[in-house]
Amino acid sequence: MSKSTGKFVAGALIGVAAGALAGVLLAPKSGKETRKDIANKAKEYTAKGKEMAIKGEKVVKGAIHDAAEKVVEKTS
């Protein structure tokens, strides 16, 4: 993943989170309902973030492995 793609994805995720938060805060609900919604969304986004981190870790490990193989090929 290129740096610009990574920045775009990060920006998109921040935008989605900000939009969701604004929607929840501006919804005509009681404070108790709003806090519950925010807690549920936080759990959802935390799970998605962990999933993305795991996928990113796999991509990085794969790239490191590929680079190491190329170094071995060129030095052998």
PDB file of N, CA and C in Angstrom:
ATOM      1  N   MET A   1       0.851  -1.160   0.000  1.00  0.00           N
ATOM      2  CA  MET A   1       0.000   0.000   0.000  1.00  0.00           C
ATOM      3  C   MET A   1       0.898   1.224   0.000  1.00  0.00           C
ATOM      4  N   SER A   2       0.651   2.147  -0.941  1.00  0.00           N
ATOM      5  CA  SER A   2       1.473   3.341  -1.010  1.00  0.00           C
ATOM      6  C   SER A   2       1.112   4.302   0.113  1.00  0.00           C
ATOM      7  N   LYS A   3       1.996   5.274   0.326  1.00  0.00           N
ATOM      8  CA  LYS A   3       1.759   6.243   1.398  1.00  0.00           C
ATOM      9  C   LYS A   3       0.488   7.041   1.139  1.00  0.00           C
ATOM     10  N   SER A   4       0.271   7.429  -0.123  1.00  0.00           N
ATOM     11  CA  SER A   4      -0.913   8.238  -0.423  1.00  0.00           C
ATOM     12  C   SER A   4      -2.193   7.427  -0.235  1.00  0.00           C
ATOM     13  N   THR A   5      -2.165   6.143  -0.567  1.00  0.00           N
ATOM     14  CA  THR A   5      -3.335   5.294  -0.350  1.00  0.00           C
ATOM     15  C   THR A   5      -3.607   5.141   1.136  1.00  0.00           C
ATOM     16  N   GLY A   6      -2.570   4.941   1.919  1.00  0.00           N
ATOM     17  CA  GLY A   6      -2.713   4.820   3.362  1.00  0.00           C
ATOM     18  C   GLY A   6      -3.279   6.087   3.978  1.00  0.00           C
ATOM     19  N   LYS A   7      -2.803   7.235   3.497  1.00  0.00           N
ATOM     20  CA  LYS A   7      -3.319   8.510   4.001  1.00  0.00           C
ATOM     21  C   LYS A   7      -4.786   8.685   3.633  1.00  0.00           C
ATOM     22  N   PHE A   8      -5.131   8.282   2.411  1.00  0.00           N
ATOM     23  CA  PHE A   8      -6.525   8.387   1.984  1.00  0.00           C
ATOM     24  C   PHE A   8      -7.425   7.512   2.846  1.00  0.00           C
ATOM     25  N   VAL A   9      -7.018   6.286   3.085  1.00  0.00           N
ATOM     26  CA  VAL A   9      -7.816   5.363   3.902  1.00  0.00           C
ATOM     27  C   VAL A   9      -7.959   5.914   5.320  1.00  0.00           C
ATOM     28  N   ALA A  10      -6.884   6.409   5.887  1.00  0.00           N
ATOM     29  CA  ALA A  10      -6.938   6.980   7.241  1.00  0.00           C
ATOM     30  C   ALA A  10      -7.883   8.177   7.270  1.00  0.00           C
ATOM     31  N   GLY A  11      -7.792   9.041   6.268  1.00  0.00           N
ATOM     32  CA  GLY A  11      -8.672  10.197   6.196  1.00  0.00           C
ATOM     33  C   GLY A  11     -10.127   9.806   6.044  1.00  0.00           C
ATOM     34  N   ALA A  12     -10.369   8.795   5.230  1.00  0.00           N
ATOM     35  CA  ALA A  12     -11.736   8.318   5.035  1.00  0.00           C
ATOM     36  C   ALA A  12     -12.299   7.756   6.337  1.00  0.00           C
ATOM     37  N   LEU A  13     -11.499   6.992   7.058  1.00  0.00           N
ATOM     38  CA  LEU A  13     -11.953   6.431   8.332  1.00  0.00           C
ATOM     39  C   LEU A  13     -12.246   7.524   9.356  1.00  0.00           C
ATOM     40  N   ILE A  14     -11.398   8.537   9.382  1.00  0.00           N
ATOM     41  CA  ILE A  14     -11.633   9.652  10.299  1.00  0.00           C
ATOM     42  C   ILE A  14     -12.921  10.378   9.909  1.00  0.00           C
ATOM     43  N   GLY A  15     -13.139  10.564   8.618  1.00  0.00           N
ATOM     44  CA  GLY A  15     -14.356  11.213   8.147  1.00  0.00           C
ATOM     45  C   GLY A  15     -15.603  10.428   8.501  1.00  0.00           C
ATOM     46  N   VAL A  16     -15.533   9.115   8.331  1.00  0.00           N
ATOM     47  CA  VAL A  16     -16.676   8.263   8.676  1.00  0.00           C
ATOM     48  C   VAL A  16     -16.962   8.344  10.169  1.00  0.00           C
ATOM     49  N   ALA A  17     -15.915   8.281  10.971  1.00  0.00           N
ATOM     50  CA  ALA A  17     -16.096   8.353  12.422  1.00  0.00           C
ATOM     51  C   ALA A  17     -16.678   9.706  12.831  1.00  0.00           C
ATOM     52  N   ALA A  18     -16.173  10.782  12.244  1.00  0.00           N
ATOM     53  CA  ALA A  18     -16.683  12.117  12.581  1.00  0.00           C
ATOM     54  C   ALA A  18     -18.139  12.259  12.154  1.00  0.00           C
ATOM     55  N   GLY A  19     -18.475  11.739  10.980  1.00  0.00           N
ATOM     56  CA  GLY A  19     -19.857  11.802  10.518  1.00  0.00           C
ATOM     57  C   GLY A  19     -20.793  11.002  11.402  1.00  0.00           C
ATOM     58  N   ALA A  20     -20.349   9.832  11.795  1.00  0.00           N
ATOM     59  CA  ALA A  20     -21.173   8.996  12.668  1.00  0.00           C
ATOM     60  C   ALA A  20     -21.372   9.671  14.026  1.00  0.00           C
ATOM     61  N   LEU A  21     -20.301  10.244  14.557  1.00  0.00           N
ATOM     62  CA  LEU A  21     -20.403  10.927  15.841  1.00  0.00           C
ATOM     63  C   LEU A  21     -21.339  12.137  15.744  1.00  0.00           C
ATOM     64  N   ALA A  22     -21.212  12.901  14.685  1.00  0.00           N
ATOM     65  CA  ALA A  22     -22.092  14.062  14.503  1.00  0.00           C
ATOM     66  C   ALA A  22     -23.544  13.613  14.385  1.00  0.00           C
ATOM     67  N   GLY A  23     -23.786  12.542  13.651  1.00  0.00           N
ATOM     68  CA  GLY A  23     -25.140  12.027  13.505  1.00  0.00           C
ATOM     69  C   GLY A  23     -25.731  11.587  14.826  1.00  0.00           C
ATOM     70  N   VAL A  24     -24.926  10.939  15.624  1.00  0.00           N
ATOM     71  CA  VAL A  24     -25.411  10.470  16.929  1.00  0.00           C
ATOM     72  C   VAL A  24     -25.679  11.651  17.854  1.00  0.00           C
ATOM     73  N   LEU A  25     -24.755  12.607  17.863  1.00  0.00           N
ATOM     74  CA  LEU A  25     -24.906  13.749  18.765  1.00  0.00           C
ATOM     75  C   LEU A  25     -26.068  14.664  18.374  1.00  0.00           C
ATOM     76  N   LEU A  26     -26.385  14.719  17.104  1.00  0.00           N
ATOM     77  CA  LEU A  26     -27.456  15.604  16.643  1.00  0.00           C
ATOM     78  C   LEU A  26     -28.812  14.908  16.573  1.00  0.00           C
ATOM     79  N   ALA A  27     -28.841  13.627  16.824  1.00  0.00           N
ATOM     80  CA  ALA A  27     -30.101  12.877  16.776  1.00  0.00           C
ATOM     81  C   ALA A  27     -30.988  13.266  17.960  1.00  0.00           C
ATOM     82  N   PRO A  28     -32.303  13.296  17.741  1.00  0.00           N
ATOM     83  CA  PRO A  28     -33.212  13.673  18.827  1.00  0.00           C
ATOM     84  C   PRO A  28     -33.480  12.510  19.785  1.00  0.00           C
ATOM     85  N   LYS A  29     -32.477  12.178  20.582  1.00  0.00           N
ATOM     86  CA  LYS A  29     -32.595  11.085  21.546  1.00  0.00           C
ATOM     87  C   LYS A  29     -32.245  11.611  22.925  1.00  0.00           C
ATOM     88  N   SER A  30     -32.582  10.840  23.927  1.00  0.00           N
ATOM     89  CA  SER A  30     -32.208  11.215  25.286  1.00  0.00           C
ATOM     90  C   SER A  30     -30.710  11.030  25.470  1.00  0.00           C
ATOM     91  N   GLY A  31     -30.184  11.648  26.524  1.00  0.00           N
ATOM     92  CA  GLY A  31     -28.753  11.511  26.811  1.00  0.00           C
ATOM     93  C   GLY A  31     -28.344  10.075  27.046  1.00  0.00           C
ATOM     94  N   LYS A  32     -29.192   9.330  27.741  1.00  0.00           N
ATOM     95  CA  LYS A  32     -28.890   7.925  28.030  1.00  0.00           C
ATOM     96  C   LYS A  32     -28.802   7.119  26.729  1.00  0.00           C
ATOM     97  N   GLU A  33     -29.751   7.334  25.828  1.00  0.00           N
ATOM     98  CA  GLU A  33     -29.744   6.620  24.547  1.00  0.00           C
ATOM     99  C   GLU A  33     -28.529   7.019  23.713  1.00  0.00           C
ATOM    100  N   THR A  34     -28.220   8.308  23.719  1.00  0.00           N
ATOM    101  CA  THR A  34     -27.077   8.797  22.947  1.00  0.00           C
ATOM    102  C   THR A  34     -25.777   8.204  23.469  1.00  0.00           C
ATOM    103  N   ARG A  35     -25.603   8.171  24.788  1.00  0.00           N
ATOM    104  CA  ARG A  35     -24.383   7.579  25.362  1.00  0.00           C
ATOM    105  C   ARG A  35     -24.278   6.105  25.015  1.00  0.00           C
ATOM    106  N   LYS A  36     -25.402   5.401  25.024  1.00  0.00           N
ATOM    107  CA  LYS A  36     -25.404   3.985  24.666  1.00  0.00           C
ATOM    108  C   LYS A  36     -25.004   3.812  23.197  1.00  0.00           C
ATOM    109  N   ASP A  37     -25.548   4.659  22.329  1.00  0.00           N
ATOM    110  CA  ASP A  37     -25.196   4.601  20.907  1.00  0.00           C
ATOM    111  C   ASP A  37     -23.711   4.871  20.698  1.00  0.00           C
ATOM    112  N   ILE A  38     -23.194   5.879  21.404  1.00  0.00           N
ATOM    113  CA  ILE A  38     -21.769   6.204  21.274  1.00  0.00           C
ATOM    114  C   ILE A  38     -20.912   5.036  21.751  1.00  0.00           C
ATOM    115  N   ALA A  39     -21.279   4.427  22.853  1.00  0.00           N
ATOM    116  CA  ALA A  39     -20.521   3.278  23.368  1.00  0.00           C
ATOM    117  C   ALA A  39     -20.555   2.120  22.377  1.00  0.00           C
ATOM    118  N   ASN A  40     -21.723   1.863  21.788  1.00  0.00           N
ATOM    119  CA  ASN A  40     -21.832   0.778  20.811  1.00  0.00           C
ATOM    120  C   ASN A  40     -20.984   1.056  19.571  1.00  0.00           C
ATOM    121  N   LYS A  41     -21.027   2.293  19.083  1.00  0.00           N
ATOM    122  CA  LYS A  41     -20.215   2.651  17.907  1.00  0.00           C
ATOM    123  C   LYS A  41     -18.732   2.571  18.242  1.00  0.00           C
ATOM    124  N   ALA A  42     -18.350   2.989  19.439  1.00  0.00           N
ATOM    125  CA  ALA A  42     -16.942   2.914  19.837  1.00  0.00           C
ATOM    126  C   ALA A  42     -16.462   1.465  19.828  1.00  0.00           C
ATOM    127  N   LYS A  43     -17.289   0.564  20.337  1.00  0.00           N
ATOM    128  CA  LYS A  43     -16.934  -0.865  20.326  1.00  0.00           C
ATOM    129  C   LYS A  43     -16.809  -1.366  18.895  1.00  0.00           C
ATOM    130  N   GLU A  44     -17.755  -0.960  18.051  1.00  0.00           N
ATOM    131  CA  GLU A  44     -17.744  -1.388  16.642  1.00  0.00           C
ATOM    132  C   GLU A  44     -16.481  -0.888  15.937  1.00  0.00           C
ATOM    133  N   TYR A  45     -16.156   0.401  16.120  1.00  0.00           N
ATOM    134  CA  TYR A  45     -14.984   0.959  15.456  1.00  0.00           C
ATOM    135  C   TYR A  45     -13.692   0.397  16.042  1.00  0.00           C
ATOM    136  N   THR A  46     -13.686   0.079  17.319  1.00  0.00           N
ATOM    137  CA  THR A  46     -12.512  -0.544  17.921  1.00  0.00           C
ATOM    138  C   THR A  46     -12.265  -1.913  17.298  1.00  0.00           C
ATOM    139  N   ALA A  47     -13.331  -2.676  17.127  1.00  0.00           N
ATOM    140  CA  ALA A  47     -13.197  -4.003  16.511  1.00  0.00           C
ATOM    141  C   ALA A  47     -12.706  -3.877  15.071  1.00  0.00           C
ATOM    142  N   LYS A  48     -13.265  -2.918  14.330  1.00  0.00           N
ATOM    143  CA  LYS A  48     -12.835  -2.716  12.947  1.00  0.00           C
ATOM    144  C   LYS A  48     -11.383  -2.267  12.895  1.00  0.00           C
ATOM    145  N   GLY A  49     -10.999  -1.389  13.829  1.00  0.00           N
ATOM    146  CA  GLY A  49      -9.613  -0.925  13.879  1.00  0.00           C
ATOM    147  C   GLY A  49      -8.643  -2.058  14.161  1.00  0.00           C
ATOM    148  N   LYS A  50      -9.011  -2.930  15.086  1.00  0.00           N
ATOM    149  CA  LYS A  50      -8.153  -4.084  15.389  1.00  0.00           C
ATOM    150  C   LYS A  50      -8.026  -4.990  14.173  1.00  0.00           C
ATOM    151  N   GLU A  51      -9.153  -5.200  13.483  1.00  0.00           N
ATOM    152  CA  GLU A  51      -9.134  -6.035  12.286  1.00  0.00           C
ATOM    153  C   GLU A  51      -8.222  -5.432  11.217  1.00  0.00           C
ATOM    154  N   MET A  52      -8.315  -4.124  11.031  1.00  0.00           N
ATOM    155  CA  MET A  52      -7.463  -3.463  10.046  1.00  0.00           C
ATOM    156  C   MET A  52      -5.994  -3.517  10.458  1.00  0.00           C
ATOM    157  N   ALA A  53      -5.725  -3.399  11.750  1.00  0.00           N
ATOM    158  CA  ALA A  53      -4.345  -3.473  12.230  1.00  0.00           C
ATOM    159  C   ALA A  53      -3.759  -4.859  11.970  1.00  0.00           C
ATOM    160  N   ILE A  54      -4.553  -5.886  12.181  1.00  0.00           N
ATOM    161  CA  ILE A  54      -4.085  -7.256  11.926  1.00  0.00           C
ATOM    162  C   ILE A  54      -3.797  -7.447  10.441  1.00  0.00           C
ATOM    163  N   LYS A  55      -4.702  -6.955   9.590  1.00  0.00           N
ATOM    164  CA  LYS A  55      -4.478  -7.059   8.147  1.00  0.00           C
ATOM    165  C   LYS A  55      -3.234  -6.280   7.735  1.00  0.00           C
ATOM    166  N   GLY A  56      -3.072  -5.086   8.298  1.00  0.00           N
ATOM    167  CA  GLY A  56      -1.898  -4.280   7.985  1.00  0.00           C
ATOM    168  C   GLY A  56      -0.612  -4.953   8.424  1.00  0.00           C
ATOM    169  N   GLU A  57      -0.656  -5.580   9.590  1.00  0.00           N
ATOM    170  CA  GLU A  57       0.510  -6.295  10.089  1.00  0.00           C
ATOM    171  C   GLU A  57       0.898  -7.421   9.133  1.00  0.00           C
ATOM    172  N   LYS A  58      -0.102  -8.138   8.618  1.00  0.00           N
ATOM    173  CA  LYS A  58       0.174  -9.226   7.678  1.00  0.00           C
ATOM    174  C   LYS A  58       0.797  -8.689   6.396  1.00  0.00           C
ATOM    175  N   VAL A  59       0.298  -7.548   5.921  1.00  0.00           N
ATOM    176  CA  VAL A  59       0.848  -6.946   4.708  1.00  0.00           C
ATOM    177  C   VAL A  59       2.298  -6.541   4.924  1.00  0.00           C
ATOM    178  N   VAL A  60       2.573  -5.910   6.061  1.00  0.00           N
ATOM    179  CA  VAL A  60       3.934  -5.464   6.360  1.00  0.00           C
ATOM    180  C   VAL A  60       4.871  -6.657   6.510  1.00  0.00           C
ATOM    181  N   LYS A  61       4.431  -7.684   7.223  1.00  0.00           N
ATOM    182  CA  LYS A  61       5.276  -8.877   7.375  1.00  0.00           C
ATOM    183  C   LYS A  61       5.551  -9.522   6.022  1.00  0.00           C
ATOM    184  N   GLY A  62       4.555  -9.563   5.154  1.00  0.00           N
ATOM    185  CA  GLY A  62       4.752 -10.123   3.817  1.00  0.00           C
ATOM    186  C   GLY A  62       5.754  -9.307   3.019  1.00  0.00           C
ATOM    187  N   ALA A  63       5.650  -7.978   3.117  1.00  0.00           N
ATOM    188  CA  ALA A  63       6.578  -7.111   2.397  1.00  0.00           C
ATOM    189  C   ALA A  63       8.004  -7.284   2.922  1.00  0.00           C
ATOM    190  N   ILE A  64       8.147  -7.414   4.225  1.00  0.00           N
ATOM    191  CA  ILE A  64       9.477  -7.625   4.813  1.00  0.00           C
ATOM    192  C   ILE A  64      10.045  -8.962   4.355  1.00  0.00           C
ATOM    193  N   HIS A  65       9.204  -9.982   4.355  1.00  0.00           N
ATOM    194  CA  HIS A  65       9.649 -11.314   3.908  1.00  0.00           C
ATOM    195  C   HIS A  65      10.101 -11.266   2.453  1.00  0.00           C
ATOM    196  N   ASP A  66       9.299 -10.612   1.604  1.00  0.00           N
ATOM    197  CA  ASP A  66       9.653 -10.501   0.186  1.00  0.00           C
ATOM    198  C   ASP A  66      10.960  -9.738   0.001  1.00  0.00           C
ATOM    199  N   ALA A  67      11.130  -8.654   0.743  1.00  0.00           N
ATOM    200  CA  ALA A  67      12.355  -7.869   0.643  1.00  0.00           C
ATOM    201  C   ALA A  67      13.557  -8.683   1.105  1.00  0.00           C
ATOM    202  N   ALA A  68      13.385  -9.450   2.172  1.00  0.00           N
ATOM    203  CA  ALA A  68      14.487 -10.277   2.667  1.00  0.00           C
ATOM    204  C   ALA A  68      14.878 -11.328   1.633  1.00  0.00           C
ATOM    205  N   GLU A  69      13.898 -11.922   0.972  1.00  0.00           N
ATOM    206  CA  GLU A  69      14.196 -12.914  -0.068  1.00  0.00           C
ATOM    207  C   GLU A  69      14.962 -12.284  -1.218  1.00  0.00           C
ATOM    208  N   LYS A  70      14.595 -11.057  -1.598  1.00  0.00           N
ATOM    209  CA  LYS A  70      15.291 -10.380  -2.689  1.00  0.00           C
ATOM    210  C   LYS A  70      16.726 -10.074  -2.302  1.00  0.00           C
ATOM    211  N   VAL A  71      16.951  -9.691  -1.049  1.00  0.00           N
ATOM    212  CA  VAL A  71      18.308  -9.411  -0.583  1.00  0.00           C
ATOM    213  C   VAL A  71      19.136 -10.678  -0.630  1.00  0.00           C
ATOM    214  N   VAL A  72      18.567 -11.786  -0.185  1.00  0.00           N
ATOM    215  CA  VAL A  72      19.282 -13.062  -0.204  1.00  0.00           C
ATOM    216  C   VAL A  72      19.614 -13.454  -1.638  1.00  0.00           C
ATOM    217  N   GLU A  73      18.656 -13.293  -2.565  1.00  0.00           N
ATOM    218  CA  GLU A  73      18.891 -13.630  -3.975  1.00  0.00           C
ATOM    219  C   GLU A  73      20.019 -12.792  -4.566  1.00  0.00           C
ATOM    220  N   LYS A  74      20.042 -11.514  -4.255  1.00  0.00           N
ATOM    221  CA  LYS A  74      21.034 -10.617  -4.839  1.00  0.00           C
ATOM    222  C   LYS A  74      22.407 -10.779  -4.205  1.00  0.00           C
ATOM    223  N   THR A  75      22.468 -11.258  -2.984  1.00  0.00           N
ATOM    224  CA  THR A  75      23.761 -11.418  -2.318  1.00  0.00           C
ATOM    225  C   THR A  75      24.317 -12.829  -2.448  1.00  0.00           C
ATOM    226  N   SER A  76      23.530 -13.724  -3.015  1.00  0.00           N
ATOM    227  CA  SER A  76      24.003 -15.113  -3.147  1.00  0.00           C
ATOM    228  C   SER A  76      24.691 -15.317  -4.470  1.00  0.00           C
TER     229      SER A  76
END
